[in-house]
Amino acid sequence: MNPTAKELRRSTGLSQARFAALLGIPKRSIENWESQKSCCPDYVLKLIEYYLKHEGYLKDI
């Protein structure tokens, strides 16, 4: 099972604002994904996870 946006963000230790800025995603999108007001597409989650792994941001999932 793929990690959620919230799990990915928490594993980096970043706030929602810093996570959004790092990825170039509006903070409101991060908030909506985490509160389940909207769904982050699976392909976007995979891209975020790939980026975070290869840039050394992921601490532990």
C-alpha atoms as a PDB file:
ATOM      1  CA  MET A   1       0.000   0.000   0.000  1.00  0.00           C
ATOM      2  CA  ASN A   2       1.302   3.433  -0.913  1.00  0.00           C
ATOM      3  CA  PRO A   3       1.903   5.977   1.836  1.00  0.00           C
ATOM      4  CA  THR A   4      -0.535   8.887   2.124  1.00  0.00           C
ATOM      5  CA  ALA A   5       0.419  12.515   1.600  1.00  0.00           C
ATOM      6  CA  LYS A   6       0.247  12.987   5.360  1.00  0.00           C
ATOM      7  CA  GLU A   7       2.572  10.036   6.014  1.00  0.00           C
ATOM      8  CA  LEU A   8       5.044  11.311   3.435  1.00  0.00           C
ATOM      9  CA  ARG A   9       5.031  14.823   4.909  1.00  0.00           C
ATOM     10  CA  ARG A  10       5.371  13.591   8.472  1.00  0.00           C
ATOM     11  CA  SER A  11       8.276  11.355   7.514  1.00  0.00           C
ATOM     12  CA  THR A  12      10.166  14.436   6.346  1.00  0.00           C
ATOM     13  CA  GLY A  13       9.551  16.338   9.584  1.00  0.00           C
ATOM     14  CA  LEU A  14       8.397  19.374   7.598  1.00  0.00           C
ATOM     15  CA  SER A  15       5.390  21.571   8.311  1.00  0.00           C
ATOM     16  CA  GLN A  16       2.597  21.685   5.752  1.00  0.00           C
ATOM     17  CA  ALA A  17       3.801  25.101   4.568  1.00  0.00           C
ATOM     18  CA  ARG A  18       7.420  24.006   4.098  1.00  0.00           C
ATOM     19  CA  PHE A  19       6.381  20.725   2.464  1.00  0.00           C
ATOM     20  CA  ALA A  20       4.139  22.603   0.028  1.00  0.00           C
ATOM     21  CA  ALA A  21       6.899  25.099  -0.776  1.00  0.00           C
ATOM     22  CA  LEU A  22       9.455  22.325  -1.314  1.00  0.00           C
ATOM     23  CA  LEU A  23       7.193  20.577  -3.810  1.00  0.00           C
ATOM     24  CA  GLY A  24       5.687  23.653  -5.454  1.00  0.00           C
ATOM     25  CA  ILE A  25       2.186  22.571  -4.417  1.00  0.00           C
ATOM     26  CA  PRO A  26      -0.326  25.008  -2.888  1.00  0.00           C
ATOM     27  CA  LYS A  27      -0.535  24.637   0.893  1.00  0.00           C
ATOM     28  CA  ARG A  28      -4.311  24.383   0.573  1.00  0.00           C
ATOM     29  CA  SER A  29      -3.885  21.207  -1.519  1.00  0.00           C
ATOM     30  CA  ILE A  30      -1.726  19.644   1.193  1.00  0.00           C
ATOM     31  CA  GLU A  31      -4.309  20.634   3.830  1.00  0.00           C
ATOM     32  CA  ASN A  32      -7.167  19.182   1.763  1.00  0.00           C
ATOM     33  CA  TRP A  33      -5.316  15.922   1.106  1.00  0.00           C
ATOM     34  CA  GLU A  34      -4.464  15.485   4.773  1.00  0.00           C
ATOM     35  CA  SER A  35      -7.990  16.282   5.987  1.00  0.00           C
ATOM     36  CA  GLN A  36      -9.427  14.063   3.222  1.00  0.00           C
ATOM     37  CA  LYS A  37     -11.463  16.908   1.733  1.00  0.00           C
ATOM     38  CA  SER A  38      -9.904  15.883  -1.564  1.00  0.00           C
ATOM     39  CA  CYS A  39      -7.801  12.979  -2.774  1.00  0.00           C
ATOM     40  CA  CYS A  40      -4.228  13.199  -3.941  1.00  0.00           C
ATOM     41  CA  PRO A  41      -3.961  11.170  -7.148  1.00  0.00           C
ATOM     42  CA  ASP A  42      -1.882   8.006  -6.796  1.00  0.00           C
ATOM     43  CA  TYR A  43       0.542   9.060  -9.515  1.00  0.00           C
ATOM     44  CA  VAL A  44       1.212  12.329  -7.663  1.00  0.00           C
ATOM     45  CA  LEU A  45       1.900  10.444  -4.432  1.00  0.00           C
ATOM     46  CA  LYS A  46       4.337   8.199  -6.283  1.00  0.00           C
ATOM     47  CA  LEU A  47       6.103  11.208  -7.786  1.00  0.00           C
ATOM     48  CA  ILE A  48       6.312  12.922  -4.392  1.00  0.00           C
ATOM     49  CA  GLU A  49       7.692   9.775  -2.772  1.00  0.00           C
ATOM     50  CA  TYR A  50      10.247   9.337  -5.565  1.00  0.00           C
ATOM     51  CA  TYR A  51      11.395  12.949  -5.275  1.00  0.00           C
ATOM     52  CA  LEU A  52      11.661  12.830  -1.487  1.00  0.00           C
ATOM     53  CA  LYS A  53      13.665   9.578  -1.554  1.00  0.00           C
ATOM     54  CA  HIS A  54      16.084  10.787  -4.185  1.00  0.00           C
ATOM     55  CA  GLU A  55      16.600  14.176  -2.562  1.00  0.00           C
ATOM     56  CA  GLY A  56      17.214  12.624   0.861  1.00  0.00           C
ATOM     57  CA  TYR A  57      14.164  14.077   2.629  1.00  0.00           C
ATOM     58  CA  LEU A  58      12.525  10.848   3.756  1.00  0.00           C
ATOM     59  CA  LYS A  59      13.508   9.850   7.257  1.00  0.00           C
ATOM     60  CA  ASP A  60      11.389   6.748   7.736  1.00  0.00           C
ATOM     61  CA  ILE A  61       8.015   5.533   6.514  1.00  0.00           C
END
